[in-house]
């Protein structure tokens, strides 16, 4: 399948994702169609995420997922 390489392709993919999400939420959608569209939706979502990583690489903004905070022991709470 094709990869997203331009900002315009990204915007088109995002519009398609919104439209497809609305279709997927319809309760009467046949299961076969739903499975196929969901697989394509997941693929497009991954492609958008990969493009975003390239687009925002080296920016001053923090990563999407914060690093986990260090775990505290009971000694930190009790003061010992």
N, C-alpha and C. Protein backbone atom coordinates (compact mmCIF):
# COMPACT_ATOMS: atom_id res chain seq x y z
N UNK A 1 0.84 -1.19 0.00
CA UNK A 1 0.00 0.00 0.00
C UNK A 1 0.88 1.25 0.00
N UNK A 2 0.24 2.35 -0.21
CA UNK A 2 0.91 3.62 -0.38
C UNK A 2 1.20 4.30 0.97
N UNK A 3 2.33 4.99 1.05
CA UNK A 3 2.67 5.73 2.25
C UNK A 3 2.33 7.20 2.08
N UNK A 4 2.10 7.87 3.18
CA UNK A 4 1.81 9.30 3.17
C UNK A 4 3.13 10.04 3.09
N UNK A 5 3.26 10.89 2.07
CA UNK A 5 4.52 11.59 1.85
C UNK A 5 4.39 13.11 1.85
N UNK A 6 3.17 13.64 1.76
CA UNK A 6 2.99 15.09 1.74
C UNK A 6 1.94 15.49 2.76
N UNK A 7 1.96 16.77 3.09
CA UNK A 7 0.98 17.31 4.03
C UNK A 7 -0.44 17.18 3.48
N UNK A 8 -0.60 17.38 2.18
CA UNK A 8 -1.92 17.27 1.56
C UNK A 8 -2.46 15.84 1.66
N UNK A 9 -1.58 14.86 1.47
CA UNK A 9 -2.00 13.46 1.61
C UNK A 9 -2.41 13.18 3.06
N UNK A 10 -1.70 13.78 3.99
CA UNK A 10 -2.05 13.61 5.40
C UNK A 10 -3.43 14.19 5.68
N UNK A 11 -3.69 15.38 5.17
CA UNK A 11 -4.99 16.01 5.39
C UNK A 11 -6.11 15.18 4.77
N UNK A 12 -5.89 14.66 3.57
CA UNK A 12 -6.88 13.81 2.91
C UNK A 12 -7.12 12.55 3.74
N UNK A 13 -6.06 11.97 4.26
CA UNK A 13 -6.19 10.77 5.07
C UNK A 13 -6.97 11.05 6.35
N UNK A 14 -6.72 12.19 6.97
CA UNK A 14 -7.46 12.55 8.19
C UNK A 14 -8.95 12.75 7.91
N UNK A 15 -9.27 13.39 6.78
CA UNK A 15 -10.67 13.56 6.41
C UNK A 15 -11.33 12.20 6.18
N UNK A 16 -10.60 11.30 5.49
CA UNK A 16 -11.13 9.96 5.23
C UNK A 16 -11.36 9.22 6.54
N UNK A 17 -10.44 9.38 7.49
CA UNK A 17 -10.57 8.70 8.78
C UNK A 17 -11.81 9.16 9.53
N UNK A 18 -12.11 10.45 9.49
CA UNK A 18 -13.31 10.96 10.16
C UNK A 18 -14.56 10.38 9.52
N UNK A 19 -14.61 10.41 8.19
CA UNK A 19 -15.76 9.87 7.47
C UNK A 19 -15.93 8.37 7.76
N UNK A 20 -14.83 7.64 7.74
CA UNK A 20 -14.89 6.19 7.96
C UNK A 20 -15.26 5.87 9.40
N UNK A 21 -14.80 6.66 10.34
CA UNK A 21 -15.17 6.45 11.75
C UNK A 21 -16.68 6.59 11.93
N UNK A 22 -17.28 7.55 11.22
CA UNK A 22 -18.73 7.71 11.28
C UNK A 22 -19.43 6.48 10.70
N UNK A 23 -18.90 5.97 9.59
CA UNK A 23 -19.49 4.78 8.97
C UNK A 23 -19.34 3.56 9.87
N UNK A 24 -18.18 3.42 10.51
CA UNK A 24 -17.94 2.27 11.38
C UNK A 24 -18.83 2.29 12.61
N UNK A 25 -19.27 3.46 13.02
CA UNK A 25 -20.11 3.55 14.20
C UNK A 25 -21.57 3.20 13.91
N UNK A 26 -21.91 3.04 12.63
CA UNK A 26 -23.29 2.71 12.27
C UNK A 26 -23.59 1.27 12.71
N UNK A 27 -24.65 1.06 13.48
CA UNK A 27 -24.92 -0.28 14.02
C UNK A 27 -25.35 -1.32 12.98
N UNK A 28 -25.83 -0.90 11.83
CA UNK A 28 -26.31 -1.85 10.83
C UNK A 28 -25.29 -2.18 9.75
N UNK A 29 -24.05 -1.75 9.93
CA UNK A 29 -23.00 -2.06 8.94
C UNK A 29 -22.73 -3.57 8.98
N UNK A 30 -22.69 -4.23 7.82
CA UNK A 30 -22.40 -5.67 7.79
C UNK A 30 -21.02 -5.97 8.39
N UNK A 31 -20.93 -7.09 9.11
CA UNK A 31 -19.69 -7.44 9.81
C UNK A 31 -18.51 -7.57 8.85
N UNK A 32 -18.75 -8.14 7.66
CA UNK A 32 -17.67 -8.32 6.69
C UNK A 32 -17.10 -6.97 6.25
N UNK A 33 -17.99 -6.03 5.94
CA UNK A 33 -17.55 -4.69 5.54
C UNK A 33 -16.85 -3.98 6.69
N UNK A 34 -17.38 -4.17 7.89
CA UNK A 34 -16.81 -3.53 9.06
C UNK A 34 -15.37 -4.00 9.30
N UNK A 35 -15.13 -5.29 9.21
CA UNK A 35 -13.79 -5.84 9.43
C UNK A 35 -12.80 -5.27 8.42
N UNK A 36 -13.21 -5.23 7.15
CA UNK A 36 -12.32 -4.71 6.10
C UNK A 36 -12.02 -3.23 6.33
N UNK A 37 -13.08 -2.43 6.57
CA UNK A 37 -12.86 -0.99 6.76
C UNK A 37 -12.04 -0.71 8.01
N UNK A 38 -12.25 -1.52 9.04
CA UNK A 38 -11.48 -1.32 10.26
C UNK A 38 -10.00 -1.62 10.03
N UNK A 39 -9.71 -2.65 9.25
CA UNK A 39 -8.31 -2.97 8.91
C UNK A 39 -7.67 -1.84 8.10
N UNK A 40 -8.40 -1.32 7.14
CA UNK A 40 -7.87 -0.21 6.33
C UNK A 40 -7.71 1.03 7.19
N UNK A 41 -8.68 1.28 8.07
CA UNK A 41 -8.62 2.43 8.97
C UNK A 41 -7.37 2.35 9.84
N UNK A 42 -7.10 1.16 10.40
CA UNK A 42 -5.91 0.99 11.24
C UNK A 42 -4.64 1.23 10.44
N UNK A 43 -4.60 0.77 9.20
CA UNK A 43 -3.42 0.98 8.35
C UNK A 43 -3.21 2.47 8.09
N UNK A 44 -4.28 3.16 7.73
CA UNK A 44 -4.17 4.60 7.43
C UNK A 44 -3.76 5.36 8.69
N UNK A 45 -4.31 4.97 9.82
CA UNK A 45 -3.96 5.60 11.08
C UNK A 45 -2.47 5.44 11.38
N UNK A 46 -1.94 4.25 11.15
CA UNK A 46 -0.51 4.02 11.34
C UNK A 46 0.33 4.87 10.38
N UNK A 47 -0.13 5.00 9.14
CA UNK A 47 0.60 5.81 8.16
C UNK A 47 0.61 7.28 8.57
N UNK A 48 -0.51 7.78 9.09
CA UNK A 48 -0.57 9.17 9.55
C UNK A 48 0.38 9.35 10.74
N UNK A 49 0.40 8.39 11.65
CA UNK A 49 1.29 8.48 12.81
C UNK A 49 2.76 8.50 12.37
N UNK A 50 3.11 7.67 11.39
CA UNK A 50 4.49 7.66 10.90
C UNK A 50 4.84 8.99 10.24
N UNK A 51 3.93 9.54 9.47
CA UNK A 51 4.18 10.84 8.84
C UNK A 51 4.34 11.91 9.92
N UNK A 52 3.49 11.87 10.94
CA UNK A 52 3.58 12.86 12.01
C UNK A 52 4.92 12.78 12.73
N UNK A 53 5.41 11.57 12.94
CA UNK A 53 6.72 11.42 13.58
C UNK A 53 7.81 12.08 12.75
N UNK A 54 7.74 11.90 11.43
CA UNK A 54 8.73 12.55 10.56
C UNK A 54 8.54 14.06 10.54
N UNK A 55 7.28 14.49 10.48
CA UNK A 55 6.97 15.91 10.40
C UNK A 55 7.43 16.67 11.64
N UNK A 56 7.22 16.07 12.79
CA UNK A 56 7.53 16.77 14.04
C UNK A 56 8.85 16.33 14.66
N UNK A 57 9.65 15.56 13.95
CA UNK A 57 10.96 15.13 14.47
C UNK A 57 11.83 16.35 14.72
N UNK A 58 12.43 16.39 15.88
CA UNK A 58 13.31 17.50 16.21
C UNK A 58 12.60 18.75 16.66
N UNK A 59 11.30 18.70 16.81
CA UNK A 59 10.58 19.90 17.26
C UNK A 59 10.75 20.05 18.77
N UNK A 60 10.37 21.19 19.26
CA UNK A 60 10.54 21.46 20.68
C UNK A 60 9.42 20.87 21.53
N UNK A 61 8.43 20.28 20.88
CA UNK A 61 7.31 19.72 21.62
C UNK A 61 7.69 18.36 22.20
N UNK A 62 7.10 18.02 23.35
CA UNK A 62 7.43 16.72 23.96
C UNK A 62 6.83 15.57 23.16
N UNK A 63 7.32 14.36 23.38
CA UNK A 63 6.76 13.20 22.67
C UNK A 63 5.29 12.99 23.07
N UNK A 64 4.58 12.23 22.26
CA UNK A 64 3.16 12.01 22.50
C UNK A 64 2.91 11.30 23.83
N UNK A 65 3.77 10.37 24.18
CA UNK A 65 3.60 9.63 25.42
C UNK A 65 4.67 10.08 26.41
N UNK A 66 4.25 10.59 27.56
CA UNK A 66 5.25 11.02 28.54
C UNK A 66 6.00 9.82 29.12
N UNK A 67 7.22 10.07 29.52
CA UNK A 67 8.00 9.00 30.13
C UNK A 67 7.41 8.69 31.51
N UNK A 68 7.41 7.43 31.90
CA UNK A 68 6.83 7.08 33.20
C UNK A 68 7.62 7.71 34.35
N UNK A 69 6.87 8.14 35.35
CA UNK A 69 7.51 8.73 36.52
C UNK A 69 8.18 7.64 37.33
N UNK A 70 9.28 7.97 37.98
CA UNK A 70 9.94 6.95 38.81
C UNK A 70 9.02 6.54 39.96
N UNK A 71 9.06 5.26 40.30
CA UNK A 71 8.21 4.75 41.37
C UNK A 71 8.79 5.18 42.72
N UNK A 72 7.87 5.53 43.61
CA UNK A 72 8.28 5.94 44.94
C UNK A 72 8.10 4.76 45.90
N UNK A 73 8.98 4.69 46.84
CA UNK A 73 8.86 3.63 47.83
C UNK A 73 8.11 4.20 49.05
N UNK A 74 7.74 3.33 49.95
CA UNK A 74 7.04 3.76 51.17
C UNK A 74 7.91 4.67 52.00
N UNK A 75 9.23 4.54 51.90
CA UNK A 75 10.12 5.40 52.67
C UNK A 75 9.94 6.86 52.27
N UNK A 76 9.66 7.09 50.99
CA UNK A 76 9.46 8.47 50.53
C UNK A 76 8.21 9.07 51.17
N UNK A 77 7.20 8.26 51.39
CA UNK A 77 5.94 8.75 51.96
C UNK A 77 6.02 8.90 53.49
N UNK A 78 6.70 7.97 54.11
CA UNK A 78 6.76 7.95 55.57
C UNK A 78 7.82 8.92 56.09
N UNK A 79 8.84 9.15 55.27
CA UNK A 79 9.89 10.08 55.68
C UNK A 79 11.05 9.36 56.34
N UNK A 80 11.25 8.11 56.00
CA UNK A 80 12.32 7.37 56.67
C UNK A 80 13.28 6.90 55.73
